[in-house]
Amino acid sequence: MSSPFRKDTHTKLSEKLQPQSSKSTGTKIKESLTGTTDKVAREAQPDSSKTNTQSTMDKFGRSKDNTVHGSSGGSAVGNVKHALGLGHHGGAAHGTRTTHTHGGGL
């Protein structure tokens, strides 16, 4: 796939088919990081500008994310902004706010 920061379908399927128990810690970390990057990139590009295959895969991915992790009513990008403390103003109505403390004067 030519889109930057995106995993191609073959990579996604091989990662899912290989049992977690047979993966090294480094491989698990890499898959987690590239998976998160793929999700952010998935939300940054509108479905209308994707191939039919990519658009379908992304819709299934969003559906799975909502089922497994619960829906917060926002996109992955919105959720990342919220987690970083950037989503508190101008936008997404999540209904609740979480106060994050970082200690040590951060």
N, C-alpha and C. Protein backbone atom coordinates (compact mmCIF):
# COMPACT_ATOMS: atom_id res chain seq x y z
N MET A 1 0.84 -1.17 0.00
CA MET A 1 0.00 0.00 0.00
C MET A 1 0.89 1.23 0.00
N SER A 2 0.50 2.26 -0.72
CA SER A 2 1.35 3.42 -0.86
C SER A 2 1.10 4.51 0.17
N SER A 3 0.03 4.43 0.92
CA SER A 3 -0.26 5.44 1.92
C SER A 3 0.75 5.36 3.07
N PRO A 4 1.35 6.49 3.41
CA PRO A 4 2.32 6.45 4.52
C PRO A 4 1.62 6.12 5.84
N PHE A 5 2.34 5.44 6.70
CA PHE A 5 1.88 5.09 8.05
C PHE A 5 0.77 4.05 8.07
N ARG A 6 0.46 3.45 6.93
CA ARG A 6 -0.60 2.45 6.88
C ARG A 6 0.00 1.06 6.74
N LYS A 7 -0.64 0.09 7.39
CA LYS A 7 -0.27 -1.31 7.22
C LYS A 7 -1.04 -1.86 6.03
N ASP A 8 -0.37 -2.65 5.21
CA ASP A 8 -1.10 -3.26 4.10
C ASP A 8 -1.92 -4.45 4.62
N THR A 9 -2.87 -4.88 3.83
CA THR A 9 -3.79 -5.94 4.24
C THR A 9 -3.04 -7.23 4.57
N HIS A 10 -2.03 -7.57 3.79
CA HIS A 10 -1.24 -8.79 4.04
C HIS A 10 -0.59 -8.74 5.42
N THR A 11 0.00 -7.61 5.77
CA THR A 11 0.66 -7.47 7.08
C THR A 11 -0.36 -7.60 8.21
N LYS A 12 -1.50 -6.95 8.07
CA LYS A 12 -2.54 -7.03 9.11
C LYS A 12 -2.99 -8.47 9.32
N LEU A 13 -3.23 -9.18 8.22
CA LEU A 13 -3.70 -10.56 8.33
C LEU A 13 -2.63 -11.46 8.94
N SER A 14 -1.36 -11.31 8.52
CA SER A 14 -0.33 -12.18 9.09
C SER A 14 -0.13 -11.91 10.56
N GLU A 15 -0.25 -10.66 10.99
CA GLU A 15 -0.13 -10.35 12.42
C GLU A 15 -1.26 -11.00 13.22
N LYS A 16 -2.45 -10.99 12.65
CA LYS A 16 -3.61 -11.57 13.35
C LYS A 16 -3.54 -13.09 13.38
N LEU A 17 -3.00 -13.69 12.33
CA LEU A 17 -2.97 -15.15 12.25
C LEU A 17 -1.88 -15.77 13.12
N GLN A 18 -0.81 -15.04 13.38
CA GLN A 18 0.27 -15.59 14.21
C GLN A 18 -0.14 -15.49 15.68
N PRO A 19 -0.10 -16.59 16.41
CA PRO A 19 -0.50 -16.57 17.83
C PRO A 19 0.38 -15.62 18.65
N GLN A 20 -0.24 -14.87 19.55
CA GLN A 20 0.51 -13.94 20.41
C GLN A 20 1.59 -14.66 21.20
N SER A 21 1.32 -15.91 21.60
CA SER A 21 2.28 -16.65 22.41
C SER A 21 3.58 -16.96 21.67
N SER A 22 3.55 -16.92 20.35
CA SER A 22 4.76 -17.21 19.58
C SER A 22 5.53 -15.95 19.18
N LYS A 23 5.04 -14.78 19.61
CA LYS A 23 5.70 -13.52 19.25
C LYS A 23 6.61 -13.06 20.37
N SER A 24 7.72 -12.44 19.98
CA SER A 24 8.63 -11.87 20.98
C SER A 24 8.03 -10.58 21.53
N THR A 25 8.54 -10.14 22.65
CA THR A 25 8.07 -8.88 23.24
C THR A 25 8.30 -7.73 22.27
N GLY A 26 9.44 -7.72 21.61
CA GLY A 26 9.74 -6.67 20.63
C GLY A 26 8.74 -6.64 19.49
N THR A 27 8.37 -7.81 19.00
CA THR A 27 7.38 -7.90 17.92
C THR A 27 6.03 -7.38 18.39
N LYS A 28 5.64 -7.75 19.60
CA LYS A 28 4.35 -7.29 20.15
C LYS A 28 4.34 -5.76 20.28
N ILE A 29 5.44 -5.19 20.75
CA ILE A 29 5.53 -3.73 20.91
C ILE A 29 5.45 -3.07 19.54
N LYS A 30 6.21 -3.60 18.57
CA LYS A 30 6.22 -3.04 17.21
C LYS A 30 4.82 -3.08 16.61
N GLU A 31 4.13 -4.22 16.74
CA GLU A 31 2.78 -4.35 16.19
C GLU A 31 1.82 -3.38 16.86
N SER A 32 1.97 -3.18 18.15
CA SER A 32 1.11 -2.25 18.87
C SER A 32 1.33 -0.82 18.38
N LEU A 33 2.59 -0.42 18.24
CA LEU A 33 2.90 0.94 17.79
C LEU A 33 2.45 1.18 16.35
N THR A 34 2.76 0.21 15.46
CA THR A 34 2.35 0.39 14.07
C THR A 34 0.84 0.29 13.92
N GLY A 35 0.19 -0.48 14.79
CA GLY A 35 -1.27 -0.57 14.77
C GLY A 35 -1.91 0.75 15.18
N THR A 36 -1.35 1.39 16.19
CA THR A 36 -1.86 2.69 16.64
C THR A 36 -1.66 3.74 15.55
N THR A 37 -0.47 3.74 14.93
CA THR A 37 -0.18 4.67 13.84
C THR A 37 -1.16 4.45 12.69
N ASP A 38 -1.44 3.18 12.38
CA ASP A 38 -2.37 2.85 11.30
C ASP A 38 -3.77 3.37 11.62
N LYS A 39 -4.19 3.26 12.88
CA LYS A 39 -5.52 3.74 13.27
C LYS A 39 -5.63 5.26 13.14
N VAL A 40 -4.58 5.96 13.55
CA VAL A 40 -4.59 7.43 13.43
C VAL A 40 -4.62 7.82 11.96
N ALA A 41 -3.80 7.16 11.14
CA ALA A 41 -3.78 7.45 9.70
C ALA A 41 -5.13 7.10 9.06
N ARG A 42 -5.75 6.03 9.55
CA ARG A 42 -7.07 5.60 9.05
C ARG A 42 -8.10 6.72 9.22
N GLU A 43 -8.04 7.40 10.35
CA GLU A 43 -9.01 8.46 10.64
C GLU A 43 -8.66 9.77 9.95
N ALA A 44 -7.40 9.97 9.63
CA ALA A 44 -6.96 11.23 9.02
C ALA A 44 -7.38 11.34 7.56
N GLN A 45 -7.56 10.22 6.90
CA GLN A 45 -7.93 10.21 5.49
C GLN A 45 -9.40 9.84 5.36
N PRO A 46 -10.19 10.64 4.66
CA PRO A 46 -11.61 10.32 4.51
C PRO A 46 -11.80 9.03 3.69
N ASP A 47 -12.81 8.24 4.05
CA ASP A 47 -13.09 7.00 3.34
C ASP A 47 -13.31 7.24 1.84
N SER A 48 -13.86 8.39 1.49
CA SER A 48 -14.17 8.67 0.08
C SER A 48 -12.91 8.75 -0.79
N SER A 49 -11.74 8.97 -0.18
CA SER A 49 -10.51 9.07 -0.98
C SER A 49 -9.67 7.79 -0.92
N LYS A 50 -10.24 6.72 -0.37
CA LYS A 50 -9.54 5.45 -0.26
C LYS A 50 -10.03 4.47 -1.33
N THR A 51 -9.24 3.44 -1.56
CA THR A 51 -9.71 2.37 -2.44
C THR A 51 -10.88 1.68 -1.74
N ASN A 52 -11.68 0.95 -2.51
CA ASN A 52 -12.81 0.23 -1.92
C ASN A 52 -12.33 -0.76 -0.86
N THR A 53 -11.23 -1.46 -1.15
CA THR A 53 -10.71 -2.44 -0.19
C THR A 53 -10.29 -1.76 1.10
N GLN A 54 -9.54 -0.65 0.99
CA GLN A 54 -9.06 0.04 2.19
C GLN A 54 -10.22 0.63 2.97
N SER A 55 -11.17 1.20 2.30
CA SER A 55 -12.34 1.78 2.96
C SER A 55 -13.11 0.71 3.73
N THR A 56 -13.30 -0.45 3.10
CA THR A 56 -14.01 -1.56 3.75
C THR A 56 -13.23 -2.05 4.96
N MET A 57 -11.91 -2.25 4.80
CA MET A 57 -11.07 -2.70 5.92
C MET A 57 -11.15 -1.70 7.08
N ASP A 58 -11.11 -0.41 6.77
CA ASP A 58 -11.16 0.61 7.82
C ASP A 58 -12.51 0.61 8.53
N LYS A 59 -13.59 0.41 7.80
CA LYS A 59 -14.91 0.35 8.43
C LYS A 59 -15.00 -0.84 9.37
N PHE A 60 -14.46 -2.00 8.94
CA PHE A 60 -14.44 -3.16 9.83
C PHE A 60 -13.57 -2.89 11.04
N GLY A 61 -12.44 -2.22 10.84
CA GLY A 61 -11.55 -1.89 11.95
C GLY A 61 -12.22 -0.99 12.97
N ARG A 62 -12.93 0.04 12.49
CA ARG A 62 -13.64 0.94 13.40
C ARG A 62 -14.74 0.19 14.16
N SER A 63 -15.44 -0.69 13.45
CA SER A 63 -16.51 -1.46 14.08
C SER A 63 -15.93 -2.36 15.18
N LYS A 64 -14.81 -3.02 14.88
CA LYS A 64 -14.16 -3.88 15.88
C LYS A 64 -13.69 -3.05 17.08
N ASP A 65 -13.08 -1.89 16.80
CA ASP A 65 -12.61 -1.03 17.89
C ASP A 65 -13.77 -0.63 18.80
N ASN A 66 -14.89 -0.27 18.21
CA ASN A 66 -16.05 0.13 19.01
C ASN A 66 -16.59 -1.04 19.83
N THR A 67 -16.56 -2.23 19.27
CA THR A 67 -17.05 -3.42 19.97
C THR A 67 -16.12 -3.81 21.11
N VAL A 68 -14.83 -3.85 20.82
CA VAL A 68 -13.84 -4.32 21.80
C VAL A 68 -13.58 -3.28 22.87
N HIS A 69 -13.43 -2.03 22.46
CA HIS A 69 -13.01 -0.99 23.39
C HIS A 69 -14.13 -0.06 23.81
N GLY A 70 -15.28 -0.22 23.23
CA GLY A 70 -16.40 0.67 23.54
C GLY A 70 -16.27 1.96 22.75
N SER A 71 -17.35 2.53 22.40
CA SER A 71 -17.34 3.75 21.62
C SER A 71 -17.42 4.96 22.52
N SER A 72 -16.52 5.89 22.28
CA SER A 72 -16.57 7.14 23.04
C SER A 72 -17.28 8.22 22.23
N GLY A 73 -17.73 7.84 21.03
CA GLY A 73 -18.41 8.80 20.18
C GLY A 73 -17.46 9.65 19.37
N GLY A 74 -16.16 9.42 19.51
CA GLY A 74 -15.19 10.21 18.76
C GLY A 74 -14.33 9.35 17.88
N SER A 75 -13.54 10.01 17.05
CA SER A 75 -12.64 9.29 16.17
C SER A 75 -11.36 8.93 16.92
N ALA A 76 -10.52 8.12 16.29
CA ALA A 76 -9.23 7.78 16.91
C ALA A 76 -8.39 9.03 17.11
N VAL A 77 -8.41 9.93 16.13
CA VAL A 77 -7.64 11.17 16.25
C VAL A 77 -8.19 12.00 17.42
N GLY A 78 -9.51 12.09 17.52
CA GLY A 78 -10.12 12.82 18.63
C GLY A 78 -9.78 12.21 19.97
N ASN A 79 -9.75 10.87 20.02
CA ASN A 79 -9.41 10.19 21.26
C ASN A 79 -7.96 10.41 21.64
N VAL A 80 -7.06 10.45 20.65
CA VAL A 80 -5.65 10.73 20.92
C VAL A 80 -5.51 12.16 21.44
N LYS A 81 -6.19 13.11 20.80
CA LYS A 81 -6.14 14.49 21.27
C LYS A 81 -6.65 14.60 22.70
N HIS A 82 -7.74 13.90 22.98
CA HIS A 82 -8.31 13.91 24.33
C HIS A 82 -7.32 13.34 25.33
N ALA A 83 -6.69 12.22 24.97
CA ALA A 83 -5.73 11.58 25.87
C ALA A 83 -4.52 12.47 26.14
N LEU A 84 -4.15 13.28 25.16
CA LEU A 84 -3.02 14.19 25.32
C LEU A 84 -3.43 15.51 25.96
N GLY A 85 -4.71 15.67 26.25
CA GLY A 85 -5.18 16.89 26.88
C GLY A 85 -5.44 18.00 25.88
N LEU A 86 -5.48 17.66 24.58
CA LEU A 86 -5.72 18.67 23.56
C LEU A 86 -7.17 18.73 23.13
N GLY A 87 -7.97 17.79 23.57
CA GLY A 87 -9.35 17.71 23.11
C GLY A 87 -10.36 18.32 24.07
N HIS A 88 -9.90 19.01 25.10
CA HIS A 88 -10.83 19.55 26.09
C HIS A 88 -11.58 20.77 25.59
N HIS A 89 -11.06 21.46 24.58
CA HIS A 89 -11.69 22.68 24.10
C HIS A 89 -12.04 22.52 22.63
N GLY A 90 -13.12 23.12 22.24
CA GLY A 90 -13.47 23.17 20.85
C GLY A 90 -14.05 21.90 20.31
N GLY A 91 -14.69 21.14 21.15
CA GLY A 91 -15.20 20.10 20.38
C GLY A 91 -15.95 18.93 20.84
N ALA A 92 -15.30 17.85 20.90
CA ALA A 92 -15.97 16.57 21.05
C ALA A 92 -16.72 16.51 22.37
N ALA A 93 -18.00 16.24 22.26
CA ALA A 93 -18.82 16.11 23.46
C ALA A 93 -18.83 14.67 23.91
N HIS A 94 -18.02 14.36 24.90
CA HIS A 94 -17.96 13.00 25.40
C HIS A 94 -18.86 12.81 26.61
N GLY A 95 -19.36 13.89 27.15
CA GLY A 95 -20.25 13.76 28.29
C GLY A 95 -19.53 13.78 29.62
N THR A 96 -18.32 13.29 29.68
CA THR A 96 -17.56 13.29 30.92
C THR A 96 -16.16 13.78 30.64
N ARG A 97 -15.52 14.29 31.63
CA ARG A 97 -14.14 14.74 31.52
C ARG A 97 -13.32 14.00 32.55
N THR A 98 -12.10 13.68 32.21
CA THR A 98 -11.19 13.02 33.12
C THR A 98 -10.08 13.99 33.47
N THR A 99 -9.78 14.12 34.75
CA THR A 99 -8.70 14.97 35.18
C THR A 99 -7.46 14.13 35.29
N HIS A 100 -6.42 14.57 34.59
CA HIS A 100 -5.16 13.83 34.60
C HIS A 100 -4.18 14.56 35.50
N THR A 101 -3.54 13.85 36.39
CA THR A 101 -2.49 14.44 37.21
C THR A 101 -1.18 13.80 36.83
N HIS A 102 -0.16 14.63 36.76
CA HIS A 102 1.12 14.13 36.30
C HIS A 102 2.20 14.22 37.38
N GLY A 103 1.93 14.86 38.48
CA GLY A 103 2.89 14.95 39.58
C GLY A 103 4.21 15.59 39.18
N GLY A 104 5.00 15.94 40.14
CA GLY A 104 6.33 16.46 39.90
C GLY A 104 6.38 17.77 39.15
N GLY A 105 5.31 18.53 39.16
CA GLY A 105 5.32 19.85 38.53
C GLY A 105 5.23 19.85 37.03
N LEU A 106 4.78 18.76 36.43
CA LEU A 106 4.66 18.71 34.96
C LEU A 106 3.48 19.49 34.50
